[in-house]
């Protein structure tokens, strides 16, 4: 468990036991707590794909690949101006004999 969470929890229990209605928390602890909450929210986001995220790609170039006008796709590890579509990993399937002959 994050030290900021442990410290804040202890401070909260102390304040409750003393009957305090207000508690002071440091900005660094609050920053750590909010980061943990964001991690939890990301894990529980139903819109998040179930497959692991590989990176981000340009949606126009993905469409060009689907139409056969493009043979490769550049994937960025970080989201950018043109790299806005998530690319997720799937289980690799062995190439069929037809696909090997076509290449």
C-alpha atoms as a PDB file:
ATOM      1  CA  UNK A   1       0.000   0.000   0.000  1.00  0.00           C
ATOM      2  CA  UNK A   2       1.179   3.499  -0.833  1.00  0.00           C
ATOM      3  CA  UNK A   3       2.784   5.333   2.129  1.00  0.00           C
ATOM      4  CA  UNK A   4       0.627   8.406   1.473  1.00  0.00           C
ATOM      5  CA  UNK A   5      -2.488   6.256   1.849  1.00  0.00           C
ATOM      6  CA  UNK A   6      -1.234   4.716   5.096  1.00  0.00           C
ATOM      7  CA  UNK A   7      -0.309   8.121   6.545  1.00  0.00           C
ATOM      8  CA  UNK A   8      -3.588   9.742   5.495  1.00  0.00           C
ATOM      9  CA  UNK A   9      -5.603   6.846   6.874  1.00  0.00           C
ATOM     10  CA  UNK A  10      -3.826   7.115  10.235  1.00  0.00           C
ATOM     11  CA  UNK A  11      -4.388  10.885  10.294  1.00  0.00           C
ATOM     12  CA  UNK A  12      -8.063  10.387   9.483  1.00  0.00           C
ATOM     13  CA  UNK A  13      -8.567   7.906  12.323  1.00  0.00           C
ATOM     14  CA  UNK A  14      -6.737  10.224  14.717  1.00  0.00           C
ATOM     15  CA  UNK A  15      -8.969  13.145  13.680  1.00  0.00           C
ATOM     16  CA  UNK A  16     -12.120  11.039  14.084  1.00  0.00           C
ATOM     17  CA  UNK A  17     -11.045   9.848  17.539  1.00  0.00           C
ATOM     18  CA  UNK A  18     -10.335  13.421  18.619  1.00  0.00           C
ATOM     19  CA  UNK A  19     -13.702  14.585  17.304  1.00  0.00           C
ATOM     20  CA  UNK A  20     -12.185  16.905  14.701  1.00  0.00           C
ATOM     21  CA  UNK A  21     -14.384  17.981  11.805  1.00  0.00           C
ATOM     22  CA  UNK A  22     -11.468  19.242   9.683  1.00  0.00           C
ATOM     23  CA  UNK A  23      -8.181  17.532   8.862  1.00  0.00           C
ATOM     24  CA  UNK A  24      -5.033  18.974   7.269  1.00  0.00           C
ATOM     25  CA  UNK A  25      -3.284  16.918   4.604  1.00  0.00           C
ATOM     26  CA  UNK A  26      -0.059  17.787   2.805  1.00  0.00           C
ATOM     27  CA  UNK A  27      -0.205  18.575  -0.893  1.00  0.00           C
ATOM     28  CA  UNK A  28       2.329  15.824  -1.659  1.00  0.00           C
ATOM     29  CA  UNK A  29       0.164  13.220   0.089  1.00  0.00           C
ATOM     30  CA  UNK A  30      -2.923  14.509  -1.710  1.00  0.00           C
ATOM     31  CA  UNK A  31      -1.075  14.303  -5.035  1.00  0.00           C
ATOM     32  CA  UNK A  32      -0.142  10.649  -4.350  1.00  0.00           C
ATOM     33  CA  UNK A  33      -3.702   9.809  -3.305  1.00  0.00           C
ATOM     34  CA  UNK A  34      -5.169  11.331  -6.466  1.00  0.00           C
ATOM     35  CA  UNK A  35      -2.650   9.431  -8.614  1.00  0.00           C
ATOM     36  CA  UNK A  36      -3.742   6.163  -6.963  1.00  0.00           C
ATOM     37  CA  UNK A  37      -7.391   7.011  -7.577  1.00  0.00           C
ATOM     38  CA  UNK A  38      -6.674   7.682 -11.249  1.00  0.00           C
ATOM     39  CA  UNK A  39      -4.941   4.294 -11.543  1.00  0.00           C
ATOM     40  CA  UNK A  40      -7.977   2.571 -10.044  1.00  0.00           C
ATOM     41  CA  UNK A  41     -10.342   4.444 -12.330  1.00  0.00           C
ATOM     42  CA  UNK A  42      -8.302   3.445 -15.383  1.00  0.00           C
ATOM     43  CA  UNK A  43      -8.383  -0.219 -14.356  1.00  0.00           C
ATOM     44  CA  UNK A  44     -12.157  -0.131 -13.898  1.00  0.00           C
ATOM     45  CA  UNK A  45     -12.985   1.879 -17.042  1.00  0.00           C
ATOM     46  CA  UNK A  46     -15.510  -0.192 -19.059  1.00  0.00           C
ATOM     47  CA  UNK A  47     -14.522   1.584 -22.284  1.00  0.00           C
ATOM     48  CA  UNK A  48     -10.952   0.383 -21.890  1.00  0.00           C
ATOM     49  CA  UNK A  49     -10.167  -2.565 -24.154  1.00  0.00           C
ATOM     50  CA  UNK A  50      -9.572  -5.906 -22.470  1.00  0.00           C
ATOM     51  CA  UNK A  51      -6.482  -6.658 -24.589  1.00  0.00           C
ATOM     52  CA  UNK A  52      -3.160  -5.064 -23.604  1.00  0.00           C
ATOM     53  CA  UNK A  53      -2.496  -1.670 -25.183  1.00  0.00           C
ATOM     54  CA  UNK A  54       0.381  -1.746 -27.670  1.00  0.00           C
ATOM     55  CA  UNK A  55       0.296   1.936 -28.568  1.00  0.00           C
ATOM     56  CA  UNK A  56      -1.447   4.568 -30.668  1.00  0.00           C
ATOM     57  CA  UNK A  57      -1.893   4.861 -34.447  1.00  0.00           C
ATOM     58  CA  UNK A  58      -3.299   7.279 -36.998  1.00  0.00           C
ATOM     59  CA  UNK A  59      -6.953   6.273 -37.701  1.00  0.00           C
ATOM     60  CA  UNK A  60      -6.684   7.368 -41.349  1.00  0.00           C
ATOM     61  CA  UNK A  61      -3.727   5.057 -41.904  1.00  0.00           C
ATOM     62  CA  UNK A  62      -5.574   2.189 -40.218  1.00  0.00           C
ATOM     63  CA  UNK A  63      -8.427   2.708 -42.674  1.00  0.00           C
ATOM     64  CA  UNK A  64      -5.945   2.781 -45.576  1.00  0.00           C
ATOM     65  CA  UNK A  65      -4.590  -0.598 -44.420  1.00  0.00           C
ATOM     66  CA  UNK A  66      -8.110  -2.020 -44.265  1.00  0.00           C
ATOM     67  CA  UNK A  67      -8.680  -0.883 -47.846  1.00  0.00           C
ATOM     68  CA  UNK A  68      -5.386  -2.411 -49.032  1.00  0.00           C
ATOM     69  CA  UNK A  69      -3.749   0.912 -49.904  1.00  0.00           C
ATOM     70  CA  UNK A  70      -1.111   0.552 -47.187  1.00  0.00           C
ATOM     71  CA  UNK A  71       1.138  -2.368 -46.189  1.00  0.00           C
ATOM     72  CA  UNK A  72       2.465  -1.241 -42.799  1.00  0.00           C
ATOM     73  CA  UNK A  73       1.376   0.822 -39.809  1.00  0.00           C
ATOM     74  CA  UNK A  74       3.449   3.068 -37.583  1.00  0.00           C
ATOM     75  CA  UNK A  75       2.548   2.761 -33.900  1.00  0.00           C
ATOM     76  CA  UNK A  76       3.593   5.300 -31.279  1.00  0.00           C
ATOM     77  CA  UNK A  77       3.988   4.435 -27.603  1.00  0.00           C
ATOM     78  CA  UNK A  78       2.391   7.758 -26.651  1.00  0.00           C
ATOM     79  CA  UNK A  79      -0.770   9.444 -27.869  1.00  0.00           C
ATOM     80  CA  UNK A  80      -0.084  12.382 -30.177  1.00  0.00           C
ATOM     81  CA  UNK A  81      -1.799  14.808 -32.556  1.00  0.00           C
ATOM     82  CA  UNK A  82      -2.351  12.246 -35.305  1.00  0.00           C
ATOM     83  CA  UNK A  83      -1.858   9.093 -33.227  1.00  0.00           C
ATOM     84  CA  UNK A  84      -5.295   8.967 -31.613  1.00  0.00           C
ATOM     85  CA  UNK A  85      -6.524   5.399 -32.174  1.00  0.00           C
ATOM     86  CA  UNK A  86      -5.607   2.726 -29.609  1.00  0.00           C
ATOM     87  CA  UNK A  87      -3.900  -0.388 -30.956  1.00  0.00           C
ATOM     88  CA  UNK A  88      -4.244  -3.465 -28.766  1.00  0.00           C
ATOM     89  CA  UNK A  89      -2.497  -6.817 -28.815  1.00  0.00           C
ATOM     90  CA  UNK A  90      -4.299  -9.997 -29.706  1.00  0.00           C
ATOM     91  CA  UNK A  91      -3.198 -13.585 -29.684  1.00  0.00           C
ATOM     92  CA  UNK A  92      -0.971 -14.189 -32.688  1.00  0.00           C
ATOM     93  CA  UNK A  93      -2.322 -16.637 -35.219  1.00  0.00           C
ATOM     94  CA  UNK A  94      -0.096 -18.646 -37.528  1.00  0.00           C
ATOM     95  CA  UNK A  95      -0.095 -17.348 -41.080  1.00  0.00           C
ATOM     96  CA  UNK A  96      -2.058 -19.441 -43.505  1.00  0.00           C
ATOM     97  CA  UNK A  97      -0.396 -21.084 -46.488  1.00  0.00           C
ATOM     98  CA  UNK A  98      -2.314 -18.736 -48.808  1.00  0.00           C
ATOM     99  CA  UNK A  99      -0.979 -15.646 -46.998  1.00  0.00           C
ATOM    100  CA  UNK A 100       2.606 -16.912 -47.321  1.00  0.00           C
ATOM    101  CA  UNK A 101       2.198 -17.469 -51.066  1.00  0.00           C
ATOM    102  CA  UNK A 102       0.657 -14.013 -51.567  1.00  0.00           C
ATOM    103  CA  UNK A 103       3.613 -12.277 -49.914  1.00  0.00           C
END
